[in-house]
Amino acid sequence: MEDCVVDGYHIRKGSRIMINHYAIQRDPNVWPEPEKFYERDLRSCPAIPLGITVVRLMLAQLVHCFDLELPNGMQPCDLDVDEHFGIVTSKENHLMVVPKYRLNE
């Protein structure tokens, strides 16, 4: 919201700050033996297996029931694959497809 100084670094208003989670999780000053696997790591989120299963089922259903085509005669070489920088990297422009139901009713 405004210019500030963090740990001696001047940060301008409107700056994007990216946190390197990989480095934090492997900092021996915070985690002794950061590369060692602990059983507690398996319990970090009990919903992960459910989430992965749901995503797999949804994707399998889409692939099974629909053919996906590009709109308006667009060819694969016409696709815009530019990315947008943010908290996560996403496509600059959404990929538009036309789902065609392919199963007999």
PDB file of N, CA and C in Angstrom:
ATOM      1  N   MET A   1       0.807  -1.192   0.000  1.00  0.00           N
ATOM      2  CA  MET A   1       0.000   0.000   0.000  1.00  0.00           C
ATOM      3  C   MET A   1       0.854   1.261   0.000  1.00  0.00           C
ATOM      4  N   GLU A   2       2.105   1.108   0.479  1.00  0.00           N
ATOM      5  CA  GLU A   2       3.013   2.252   0.474  1.00  0.00           C
ATOM      6  C   GLU A   2       4.452   1.741   0.462  1.00  0.00           C
ATOM      7  N   ASP A   3       5.392   2.618   0.110  1.00  0.00           N
ATOM      8  CA  ASP A   3       6.806   2.244   0.151  1.00  0.00           C
ATOM      9  C   ASP A   3       7.165   1.817   1.574  1.00  0.00           C
ATOM     10  N   CYS A   4       8.082   0.826   1.685  1.00  0.00           N
ATOM     11  CA  CYS A   4       8.519   0.398   3.010  1.00  0.00           C
ATOM     12  C   CYS A   4       9.920  -0.197   2.910  1.00  0.00           C
ATOM     13  N   VAL A   5      10.501  -0.461   4.062  1.00  0.00           N
ATOM     14  CA  VAL A   5      11.810  -1.097   4.142  1.00  0.00           C
ATOM     15  C   VAL A   5      11.646  -2.375   4.958  1.00  0.00           C
ATOM     16  N   VAL A   6      12.079  -3.500   4.381  1.00  0.00           N
ATOM     17  CA  VAL A   6      11.991  -4.788   5.066  1.00  0.00           C
ATOM     18  C   VAL A   6      13.396  -5.371   5.133  1.00  0.00           C
ATOM     19  N   ASP A   7      13.887  -5.561   6.335  1.00  0.00           N
ATOM     20  CA  ASP A   7      15.210  -6.133   6.561  1.00  0.00           C
ATOM     21  C   ASP A   7      16.280  -5.397   5.749  1.00  0.00           C
ATOM     22  N   GLY A   8      16.151  -4.077   5.673  1.00  0.00           N
ATOM     23  CA  GLY A   8      17.142  -3.258   4.972  1.00  0.00           C
ATOM     24  C   GLY A   8      16.898  -3.111   3.481  1.00  0.00           C
ATOM     25  N   TYR A   9      15.868  -3.749   2.941  1.00  0.00           N
ATOM     26  CA  TYR A   9      15.547  -3.662   1.509  1.00  0.00           C
ATOM     27  C   TYR A   9      14.392  -2.692   1.308  1.00  0.00           C
ATOM     28  N   HIS A  10      14.604  -1.717   0.422  1.00  0.00           N
ATOM     29  CA  HIS A  10      13.544  -0.765   0.090  1.00  0.00           C
ATOM     30  C   HIS A  10      12.590  -1.421  -0.913  1.00  0.00           C
ATOM     31  N   ILE A  11      11.312  -1.429  -0.576  1.00  0.00           N
ATOM     32  CA  ILE A  11      10.294  -2.020  -1.446  1.00  0.00           C
ATOM     33  C   ILE A  11       9.310  -0.930  -1.829  1.00  0.00           C
ATOM     34  N   ARG A  12       9.188  -0.710  -3.135  1.00  0.00           N
ATOM     35  CA  ARG A  12       8.306   0.347  -3.630  1.00  0.00           C
ATOM     36  C   ARG A  12       6.846  -0.095  -3.591  1.00  0.00           C
ATOM     37  N   LYS A  13       5.976   0.862  -3.419  1.00  0.00           N
ATOM     38  CA  LYS A  13       4.540   0.621  -3.460  1.00  0.00           C
ATOM     39  C   LYS A  13       4.177  -0.054  -4.782  1.00  0.00           C
ATOM     40  N   GLY A  14       3.340  -1.077  -4.718  1.00  0.00           N
ATOM     41  CA  GLY A  14       2.900  -1.763  -5.924  1.00  0.00           C
ATOM     42  C   GLY A  14       3.832  -2.867  -6.396  1.00  0.00           C
ATOM     43  N   SER A  15       4.935  -3.101  -5.686  1.00  0.00           N
ATOM     44  CA  SER A  15       5.873  -4.153  -6.088  1.00  0.00           C
ATOM     45  C   SER A  15       5.255  -5.524  -5.845  1.00  0.00           C
ATOM     46  N   ARG A  16       5.664  -6.487  -6.663  1.00  0.00           N
ATOM     47  CA  ARG A  16       5.266  -7.876  -6.442  1.00  0.00           C
ATOM     48  C   ARG A  16       6.373  -8.562  -5.672  1.00  0.00           C
ATOM     49  N   ILE A  17       5.997  -9.244  -4.632  1.00  0.00           N
ATOM     50  CA  ILE A  17       6.954  -9.950  -3.796  1.00  0.00           C
ATOM     51  C   ILE A  17       6.704 -11.440  -3.962  1.00  0.00           C
ATOM     52  N   MET A  18       7.721 -12.180  -4.338  1.00  0.00           N
ATOM     53  CA  MET A  18       7.616 -13.628  -4.484  1.00  0.00           C
ATOM     54  C   MET A  18       8.385 -14.283  -3.338  1.00  0.00           C
ATOM     55  N   ILE A  19       7.764 -15.240  -2.693  1.00  0.00           N
ATOM     56  CA  ILE A  19       8.391 -15.947  -1.585  1.00  0.00           C
ATOM     57  C   ILE A  19       8.911 -17.283  -2.097  1.00  0.00           C
ATOM     58  N   ASN A  20      10.159 -17.563  -1.831  1.00  0.00           N
ATOM     59  CA  ASN A  20      10.769 -18.813  -2.269  1.00  0.00           C
ATOM     60  C   ASN A  20      10.519 -19.887  -1.209  1.00  0.00           C
ATOM     61  N   HIS A  21       9.382 -20.566  -1.338  1.00  0.00           N
ATOM     62  CA  HIS A  21       9.012 -21.597  -0.362  1.00  0.00           C
ATOM     63  C   HIS A  21      10.022 -22.743  -0.354  1.00  0.00           C
ATOM     64  N   TYR A  22      10.546 -23.068  -1.515  1.00  0.00           N
ATOM     65  CA  TYR A  22      11.519 -24.150  -1.606  1.00  0.00           C
ATOM     66  C   TYR A  22      12.716 -23.862  -0.693  1.00  0.00           C
ATOM     67  N   ALA A  23      13.231 -22.635  -0.753  1.00  0.00           N
ATOM     68  CA  ALA A  23      14.399 -22.288   0.061  1.00  0.00           C
ATOM     69  C   ALA A  23      14.046 -22.240   1.547  1.00  0.00           C
ATOM     70  N   ILE A  24      12.876 -21.715   1.873  1.00  0.00           N
ATOM     71  CA  ILE A  24      12.473 -21.633   3.280  1.00  0.00           C
ATOM     72  C   ILE A  24      12.357 -23.027   3.879  1.00  0.00           C
ATOM     73  N   GLN A  25      11.773 -23.951   3.134  1.00  0.00           N
ATOM     74  CA  GLN A  25      11.566 -25.301   3.660  1.00  0.00           C
ATOM     75  C   GLN A  25      12.858 -26.100   3.745  1.00  0.00           C
ATOM     76  N   ARG A  26      13.908 -25.597   3.186  1.00  0.00           N
ATOM     77  CA  ARG A  26      15.190 -26.303   3.234  1.00  0.00           C
ATOM     78  C   ARG A  26      16.273 -25.522   3.971  1.00  0.00           C
ATOM     79  N   ASP A  27      15.838 -24.535   4.740  1.00  0.00           N
ATOM     80  CA  ASP A  27      16.772 -23.717   5.511  1.00  0.00           C
ATOM     81  C   ASP A  27      17.142 -24.452   6.795  1.00  0.00           C
ATOM     82  N   PRO A  28      18.416 -24.882   6.939  1.00  0.00           N
ATOM     83  CA  PRO A  28      18.811 -25.634   8.139  1.00  0.00           C
ATOM     84  C   PRO A  28      18.723 -24.800   9.416  1.00  0.00           C
ATOM     85  N   ASN A  29      18.634 -23.470   9.294  1.00  0.00           N
ATOM     86  CA  ASN A  29      18.438 -22.638  10.488  1.00  0.00           C
ATOM     87  C   ASN A  29      17.018 -22.770  11.033  1.00  0.00           C
ATOM     88  N   VAL A  30      16.093 -23.191  10.177  1.00  0.00           N
ATOM     89  CA  VAL A  30      14.697 -23.355  10.579  1.00  0.00           C
ATOM     90  C   VAL A  30      14.365 -24.823  10.793  1.00  0.00           C
ATOM     91  N   TRP A  31      14.793 -25.675   9.848  1.00  0.00           N
ATOM     92  CA  TRP A  31      14.515 -27.113   9.890  1.00  0.00           C
ATOM     93  C   TRP A  31      15.825 -27.881   9.993  1.00  0.00           C
ATOM     94  N   PRO A  32      16.098 -28.525  11.117  1.00  0.00           N
ATOM     95  CA  PRO A  32      17.291 -29.362  11.168  1.00  0.00           C
ATOM     96  C   PRO A  32      17.131 -30.528  10.195  1.00  0.00           C
ATOM     97  N   GLU A  33      18.179 -30.856   9.492  1.00  0.00           N
ATOM     98  CA  GLU A  33      18.157 -31.917   8.478  1.00  0.00           C
ATOM     99  C   GLU A  33      16.988 -31.726   7.500  1.00  0.00           C
ATOM    100  N   PRO A  34      16.993 -30.631   6.736  1.00  0.00           N
ATOM    101  CA  PRO A  34      15.849 -30.304   5.877  1.00  0.00           C
ATOM    102  C   PRO A  34      15.567 -31.319   4.778  1.00  0.00           C
ATOM    103  N   GLU A  35      16.557 -32.085   4.368  1.00  0.00           N
ATOM    104  CA  GLU A  35      16.337 -33.050   3.295  1.00  0.00           C
ATOM    105  C   GLU A  35      15.851 -34.406   3.821  1.00  0.00           C
ATOM    106  N   LYS A  36      15.801 -34.557   5.145  1.00  0.00           N
ATOM    107  CA  LYS A  36      15.358 -35.822   5.730  1.00  0.00           C
ATOM    108  C   LYS A  36      13.829 -35.884   5.711  1.00  0.00           C
ATOM    109  N   PHE A  37      13.301 -37.033   5.308  1.00  0.00           N
ATOM    110  CA  PHE A  37      11.853 -37.232   5.251  1.00  0.00           C
ATOM    111  C   PHE A  37      11.341 -37.672   6.609  1.00  0.00           C
ATOM    112  N   TYR A  38      10.289 -37.028   7.068  1.00  0.00           N
ATOM    113  CA  TYR A  38       9.654 -37.398   8.331  1.00  0.00           C
ATOM    114  C   TYR A  38       8.238 -37.886   8.041  1.00  0.00           C
ATOM    115  N   GLU A  39       7.785 -38.843   8.817  1.00  0.00           N
ATOM    116  CA  GLU A  39       6.437 -39.362   8.621  1.00  0.00           C
ATOM    117  C   GLU A  39       5.392 -38.255   8.766  1.00  0.00           C
ATOM    118  N   ARG A  40       5.681 -37.236   9.572  1.00  0.00           N
ATOM    119  CA  ARG A  40       4.718 -36.156   9.765  1.00  0.00           C
ATOM    120  C   ARG A  40       4.409 -35.436   8.452  1.00  0.00           C
ATOM    121  N   ASP A  41       5.332 -35.514   7.479  1.00  0.00           N
ATOM    122  CA  ASP A  41       5.114 -34.846   6.206  1.00  0.00           C
ATOM    123  C   ASP A  41       3.914 -35.434   5.464  1.00  0.00           C
ATOM    124  N   LEU A  42       3.607 -36.717   5.734  1.00  0.00           N
ATOM    125  CA  LEU A  42       2.460 -37.354   5.089  1.00  0.00           C
ATOM    126  C   LEU A  42       1.140 -36.803   5.618  1.00  0.00           C
ATOM    127  N   ARG A  43       1.169 -36.247   6.818  1.00  0.00           N
ATOM    128  CA  ARG A  43      -0.067 -35.784   7.447  1.00  0.00           C
ATOM    129  C   ARG A  43      -0.292 -34.296   7.235  1.00  0.00           C
ATOM    130  N   SER A  44       0.454 -33.673   6.363  1.00  0.00           N
ATOM    131  CA  SER A  44       0.329 -32.226   6.212  1.00  0.00           C
ATOM    132  C   SER A  44      -1.065 -31.800   5.772  1.00  0.00           C
ATOM    133  N   CYS A  45      -1.725 -32.574   4.928  1.00  0.00           N
ATOM    134  CA  CYS A  45      -3.073 -32.244   4.492  1.00  0.00           C
ATOM    135  C   CYS A  45      -3.822 -33.544   4.215  1.00  0.00           C
ATOM    136  N   PRO A  46      -4.721 -33.913   5.094  1.00  0.00           N
ATOM    137  CA  PRO A  46      -5.424 -35.181   4.904  1.00  0.00           C
ATOM    138  C   PRO A  46      -6.348 -35.188   3.694  1.00  0.00           C
ATOM    139  N   ALA A  47      -6.681 -34.029   3.144  1.00  0.00           N
ATOM    140  CA  ALA A  47      -7.599 -33.968   2.000  1.00  0.00           C
ATOM    141  C   ALA A  47      -6.891 -34.126   0.656  1.00  0.00           C
ATOM    142  N   ILE A  48      -5.561 -34.178   0.648  1.00  0.00           N
ATOM    143  CA  ILE A  48      -4.835 -34.291  -0.628  1.00  0.00           C
ATOM    144  C   ILE A  48      -5.267 -35.524  -1.419  1.00  0.00           C
ATOM    145  N   PRO A  49      -5.330 -36.719  -0.831  1.00  0.00           N
ATOM    146  CA  PRO A  49      -5.759 -37.880  -1.632  1.00  0.00           C
ATOM    147  C   PRO A  49      -7.170 -37.716  -2.203  1.00  0.00           C
ATOM    148  N   LEU A  50      -8.073 -37.141  -1.420  1.00  0.00           N
ATOM    149  CA  LEU A  50      -9.435 -36.923  -1.917  1.00  0.00           C
ATOM    150  C   LEU A  50      -9.424 -35.932  -3.073  1.00  0.00           C
ATOM    151  N   GLY A  51      -8.704 -34.835  -2.926  1.00  0.00           N
ATOM    152  CA  GLY A  51      -8.632 -33.830  -3.991  1.00  0.00           C
ATOM    153  C   GLY A  51      -8.060 -34.397  -5.276  1.00  0.00           C
ATOM    154  N   ILE A  52      -7.002 -35.177  -5.171  1.00  0.00           N
ATOM    155  CA  ILE A  52      -6.386 -35.774  -6.362  1.00  0.00           C
ATOM    156  C   ILE A  52      -7.356 -36.738  -7.033  1.00  0.00           C
ATOM    157  N   THR A  53      -8.071 -37.525  -6.230  1.00  0.00           N
ATOM    158  CA  THR A  53      -9.041 -38.472  -6.786  1.00  0.00           C
ATOM    159  C   THR A  53     -10.167 -37.746  -7.514  1.00  0.00           C
ATOM    160  N   VAL A  54     -10.690 -36.687  -6.915  1.00  0.00           N
ATOM    161  CA  VAL A  54     -11.780 -35.933  -7.534  1.00  0.00           C
ATOM    162  C   VAL A  54     -11.331 -35.307  -8.854  1.00  0.00           C
ATOM    163  N   VAL A  55     -10.141 -34.736  -8.884  1.00  0.00           N
ATOM    164  CA  VAL A  55      -9.639 -34.130 -10.119  1.00  0.00           C
ATOM    165  C   VAL A  55      -9.453 -35.193 -11.195  1.00  0.00           C
ATOM    166  N   ARG A  56      -8.915 -36.338 -10.832  1.00  0.00           N
ATOM    167  CA  ARG A  56      -8.736 -37.426 -11.808  1.00  0.00           C
ATOM    168  C   ARG A  56     -10.070 -37.901 -12.369  1.00  0.00           C
ATOM    169  N   LEU A  57     -11.061 -38.068 -11.502  1.00  0.00           N
ATOM    170  CA  LEU A  57     -12.378 -38.515 -11.959  1.00  0.00           C
ATOM    171  C   LEU A  57     -13.022 -37.498 -12.886  1.00  0.00           C
ATOM    172  N   MET A  58     -12.942 -36.223 -12.549  1.00  0.00           N
ATOM    173  CA  MET A  58     -13.529 -35.180 -13.380  1.00  0.00           C
ATOM    174  C   MET A  58     -12.843 -35.133 -14.747  1.00  0.00           C
ATOM    175  N   LEU A  59     -11.535 -35.203 -14.758  1.00  0.00           N
ATOM    176  CA  LEU A  59     -10.792 -35.182 -16.017  1.00  0.00           C
ATOM    177  C   LEU A  59     -11.106 -36.425 -16.852  1.00  0.00           C
ATOM    178  N   ALA A  60     -11.179 -37.587 -16.208  1.00  0.00           N
ATOM    179  CA  ALA A  60     -11.513 -38.814 -16.927  1.00  0.00           C
ATOM    180  C   ALA A  60     -12.904 -38.715 -17.550  1.00  0.00           C
ATOM    181  N   GLN A  61     -13.854 -38.142 -16.823  1.00  0.00           N
ATOM    182  CA  GLN A  61     -15.215 -37.990 -17.350  1.00  0.00           C
ATOM    183  C   GLN A  61     -15.229 -37.045 -18.550  1.00  0.00           C
ATOM    184  N   LEU A  62     -14.500 -35.944 -18.472  1.00  0.00           N
ATOM    185  CA  LEU A  62     -14.436 -35.013 -19.610  1.00  0.00           C
ATOM    186  C   LEU A  62     -13.842 -35.679 -20.844  1.00  0.00           C
ATOM    187  N   VAL A  63     -12.741 -36.392 -20.655  1.00  0.00           N
ATOM    188  CA  VAL A  63     -12.086 -37.047 -21.784  1.00  0.00           C
ATOM    189  C   VAL A  63     -12.965 -38.163 -22.354  1.00  0.00           C
ATOM    190  N   HIS A  64     -13.669 -38.873 -21.488  1.00  0.00           N
ATOM    191  CA  HIS A  64     -14.525 -39.973 -21.926  1.00  0.00           C
ATOM    192  C   HIS A  64     -15.758 -39.469 -22.696  1.00  0.00           C
ATOM    193  N   CYS A  65     -16.365 -38.389 -22.239  1.00  0.00           N
ATOM    194  CA  CYS A  65     -17.660 -37.953 -22.782  1.00  0.00           C
ATOM    195  C   CYS A  65     -17.567 -36.914 -23.894  1.00  0.00           C
ATOM    196  N   PHE A  66     -16.454 -36.215 -24.012  1.00  0.00           N
ATOM    197  CA  PHE A  66     -16.397 -35.093 -24.942  1.00  0.00           C
ATOM    198  C   PHE A  66     -15.177 -35.163 -25.852  1.00  0.00           C
ATOM    199  N   ASP A  67     -15.357 -34.686 -27.069  1.00  0.00           N
ATOM    200  CA  ASP A  67     -14.247 -34.340 -27.945  1.00  0.00           C
ATOM    201  C   ASP A  67     -14.076 -32.834 -27.814  1.00  0.00           C
ATOM    202  N   LEU A  68     -12.859 -32.373 -27.634  1.00  0.00           N
ATOM    203  CA  LEU A  68     -12.600 -30.941 -27.493  1.00  0.00           C
ATOM    204  C   LEU A  68     -12.006 -30.423 -28.794  1.00  0.00           C
ATOM    205  N   GLU A  69     -12.628 -29.389 -29.349  1.00  0.00           N
ATOM    206  CA  GLU A  69     -12.176 -28.813 -30.613  1.00  0.00           C
ATOM    207  C   GLU A  69     -11.877 -27.338 -30.422  1.00  0.00           C
ATOM    208  N   LEU A  70     -10.976 -26.825 -31.241  1.00  0.00           N
ATOM    209  CA  LEU A  70     -10.687 -25.393 -31.221  1.00  0.00           C
ATOM    210  C   LEU A  70     -11.808 -24.650 -31.952  1.00  0.00           C
ATOM    211  N   PRO A  71     -12.164 -23.441 -31.501  1.00  0.00           N
ATOM    212  CA  PRO A  71     -13.288 -22.718 -32.103  1.00  0.00           C
ATOM    213  C   PRO A  71     -12.937 -22.052 -33.429  1.00  0.00           C
ATOM    214  N   ASN A  72     -13.946 -21.813 -34.238  1.00  0.00           N
ATOM    215  CA  ASN A  72     -13.855 -21.006 -35.455  1.00  0.00           C
ATOM    216  C   ASN A  72     -12.753 -21.455 -36.410  1.00  0.00           C
ATOM    217  N   GLY A  73     -12.537 -22.751 -36.542  1.00  0.00           N
ATOM    218  CA  GLY A  73     -11.535 -23.251 -37.475  1.00  0.00           C
ATOM    219  C   GLY A  73     -10.100 -22.961 -37.069  1.00  0.00           C
ATOM    220  N   MET A  74      -9.882 -22.604 -35.823  1.00  0.00           N
ATOM    221  CA  MET A  74      -8.530 -22.313 -35.334  1.00  0.00           C
ATOM    222  C   MET A  74      -7.667 -23.569 -35.417  1.00  0.00           C
ATOM    223  N   GLN A  75      -6.408 -23.406 -35.740  1.00  0.00           N
ATOM    224  CA  GLN A  75      -5.453 -24.505 -35.821  1.00  0.00           C
ATOM    225  C   GLN A  75      -4.566 -24.500 -34.576  1.00  0.00           C
ATOM    226  N   PRO A  76      -4.006 -25.654 -34.191  1.00  0.00           N
ATOM    227  CA  PRO A  76      -3.130 -25.700 -33.022  1.00  0.00           C
ATOM    228  C   PRO A  76      -1.975 -24.705 -33.096  1.00  0.00           C
ATOM    229  N   CYS A  77      -1.460 -24.451 -34.297  1.00  0.00           N
ATOM    230  CA  CYS A  77      -0.337 -23.511 -34.419  1.00  0.00           C
ATOM    231  C   CYS A  77      -0.765 -22.061 -34.142  1.00  0.00           C
ATOM    232  N   ASP A  78      -2.086 -21.798 -34.107  1.00  0.00           N
ATOM    233  CA  ASP A  78      -2.598 -20.453 -33.835  1.00  0.00           C
ATOM    234  C   ASP A  78      -2.767 -20.174 -32.344  1.00  0.00           C
ATOM    235  N   LEU A  79      -2.543 -21.178 -31.499  1.00  0.00           N
ATOM    236  CA  LEU A  79      -2.751 -21.009 -30.067  1.00  0.00           C
ATOM    237  C   LEU A  79      -1.765 -20.015 -29.480  1.00  0.00           C
ATOM    238  N   ASP A  80      -2.257 -19.181 -28.570  1.00  0.00           N
ATOM    239  CA  ASP A  80      -1.421 -18.229 -27.845  1.00  0.00           C
ATOM    240  C   ASP A  80      -0.947 -18.915 -26.568  1.00  0.00           C
ATOM    241  N   VAL A  81       0.348 -19.158 -26.453  1.00  0.00           N
ATOM    242  CA  VAL A  81       0.873 -19.870 -25.290  1.00  0.00           C
ATOM    243  C   VAL A  81       1.641 -18.937 -24.347  1.00  0.00           C
ATOM    244  N   ASP A  82       1.432 -17.616 -24.492  1.00  0.00           N
ATOM    245  CA  ASP A  82       2.084 -16.671 -23.591  1.00  0.00           C
ATOM    246  C   ASP A  82       1.573 -16.866 -22.172  1.00  0.00           C
ATOM    247  N   GLU A  83       2.435 -16.592 -21.190  1.00  0.00           N
ATOM    248  CA  GLU A  83       2.078 -16.776 -19.801  1.00  0.00           C
ATOM    249  C   GLU A  83       1.989 -15.433 -19.094  1.00  0.00           C
ATOM    250  N   HIS A  84       1.215 -15.407 -18.015  1.00  0.00           N
ATOM    251  CA  HIS A  84       1.029 -14.206 -17.210  1.00  0.00           C
ATOM    252  C   HIS A  84       1.705 -14.426 -15.862  1.00  0.00           C
ATOM    253  N   PHE A  85       2.571 -13.504 -15.480  1.00  0.00           N
ATOM    254  CA  PHE A  85       3.293 -13.606 -14.220  1.00  0.00           C
ATOM    255  C   PHE A  85       2.376 -13.170 -13.073  1.00  0.00           C
ATOM    256  N   GLY A  86       2.338 -13.938 -12.023  1.00  0.00           N
ATOM    257  CA  GLY A  86       1.551 -13.594 -10.845  1.00  0.00           C
ATOM    258  C   GLY A  86       1.949 -14.509  -9.708  1.00  0.00           C
ATOM    259  N   ILE A  87       1.064 -14.679  -8.744  1.00  0.00           N
ATOM    260  CA  ILE A  87       1.361 -15.595  -7.643  1.00  0.00           C
ATOM    261  C   ILE A  87       1.560 -16.994  -8.185  1.00  0.00           C
ATOM    262  N   VAL A  88       0.762 -17.347  -9.186  1.00  0.00           N
ATOM    263  CA  VAL A  88       0.985 -18.570  -9.946  1.00  0.00           C
ATOM    264  C   VAL A  88       1.098 -18.164 -11.404  1.00  0.00           C
ATOM    265  N   THR A  89       1.775 -18.953 -12.187  1.00  0.00           N
ATOM    266  CA  THR A  89       1.902 -18.657 -13.609  1.00  0.00           C
ATOM    267  C   THR A  89       0.675 -19.221 -14.315  1.00  0.00           C
ATOM    268  N   SER A  90       0.001 -18.371 -15.060  1.00  0.00           N
ATOM    269  CA  SER A  90      -1.174 -18.817 -15.804  1.00  0.00           C
ATOM    270  C   SER A  90      -1.068 -18.298 -17.233  1.00  0.00           C
ATOM    271  N   LYS A  91      -1.964 -18.777 -18.088  1.00  0.00           N
ATOM    272  CA  LYS A  91      -1.943 -18.329 -19.475  1.00  0.00           C
ATOM    273  C   LYS A  91      -2.374 -16.871 -19.548  1.00  0.00           C
ATOM    274  N   GLU A  92      -1.748 -16.115 -20.424  1.00  0.00           N
ATOM    275  CA  GLU A  92      -2.103 -14.707 -20.631  1.00  0.00           C
ATOM    276  C   GLU A  92      -3.548 -14.603 -21.113  1.00  0.00           C
ATOM    277  N   ASN A  93      -3.922 -15.464 -22.062  1.00  0.00           N
ATOM    278  CA  ASN A  93      -5.290 -15.516 -22.579  1.00  0.00           C
ATOM    279  C   ASN A  93      -5.818 -16.932 -22.385  1.00  0.00           C
ATOM    280  N   HIS A  94      -7.079 -17.034 -22.006  1.00  0.00           N
ATOM    281  CA  HIS A  94      -7.668 -18.344 -21.757  1.00  0.00           C
ATOM    282  C   HIS A  94      -7.682 -19.187 -23.025  1.00  0.00           C
ATOM    283  N   LEU A  95      -7.507 -20.482 -22.851  1.00  0.00           N
ATOM    284  CA  LEU A  95      -7.631 -21.429 -23.949  1.00  0.00           C
ATOM    285  C   LEU A  95      -9.117 -21.704 -24.140  1.00  0.00           C
ATOM    286  N   MET A  96      -9.619 -21.414 -25.312  1.00  0.00           N
ATOM    287  CA  MET A  96     -11.032 -21.633 -25.598  1.00  0.00           C
ATOM    288  C   MET A  96     -11.169 -22.916 -26.410  1.00  0.00           C
ATOM    289  N   VAL A  97     -12.026 -23.806 -25.950  1.00  0.00           N
ATOM    290  CA  VAL A  97     -12.322 -25.030 -26.680  1.00  0.00           C
ATOM    291  C   VAL A  97     -13.832 -25.198 -26.745  1.00  0.00           C
ATOM    292  N   VAL A  98     -14.256 -25.966 -27.727  1.00  0.00           N
ATOM    293  CA  VAL A  98     -15.673 -26.274 -27.885  1.00  0.00           C
ATOM    294  C   VAL A  98     -15.854 -27.756 -27.568  1.00  0.00           C
ATOM    295  N   PRO A  99     -16.579 -28.065 -26.472  1.00  0.00           N
ATOM    296  CA  PRO A  99     -16.804 -29.477 -26.155  1.00  0.00           C
ATOM    297  C   PRO A  99     -17.933 -30.028 -27.028  1.00  0.00           C
ATOM    298  N   LYS A 100     -17.697 -31.168 -27.618  1.00  0.00           N
ATOM    299  CA  LYS A 100     -18.706 -31.852 -28.429  1.00  0.00           C
ATOM    300  C   LYS A 100     -19.003 -33.180 -27.751  1.00  0.00           C
ATOM    301  N   TYR A 101     -20.246 -33.334 -27.295  1.00  0.00           N
ATOM    302  CA  TYR A 101     -20.642 -34.576 -26.630  1.00  0.00           C
ATOM    303  C   TYR A 101     -20.546 -35.711 -27.629  1.00  0.00           C
ATOM    304  N   ARG A 102     -19.870 -36.792 -27.284  1.00  0.00           N
ATOM    305  CA  ARG A 102     -19.594 -37.818 -28.264  1.00  0.00           C
ATOM    306  C   ARG A 102     -20.219 -39.175 -27.947  1.00  0.00           C
ATOM    307  N   LEU A 103     -20.968 -39.270 -26.878  1.00  0.00           N
ATOM    308  CA  LEU A 103     -21.601 -40.535 -26.532  1.00  0.00           C
ATOM    309  C   LEU A 103     -23.041 -40.546 -27.038  1.00  0.00           C
ATOM    310  N   ASN A 104     -23.514 -41.700 -27.462  1.00  0.00           N
ATOM    311  CA  ASN A 104     -24.902 -41.817 -27.900  1.00  0.00           C
ATOM    312  C   ASN A 104     -25.820 -41.745 -26.703  1.00  0.00           C
ATOM    313  N   GLU A 105     -26.906 -41.017 -26.848  1.00  0.00           N
ATOM    314  CA  GLU A 105     -27.852 -40.884 -25.725  1.00  0.00           C
ATOM    315  C   GLU A 105     -28.796 -42.032 -25.667  1.00  0.00           C
TER     316      GLU A 105
END
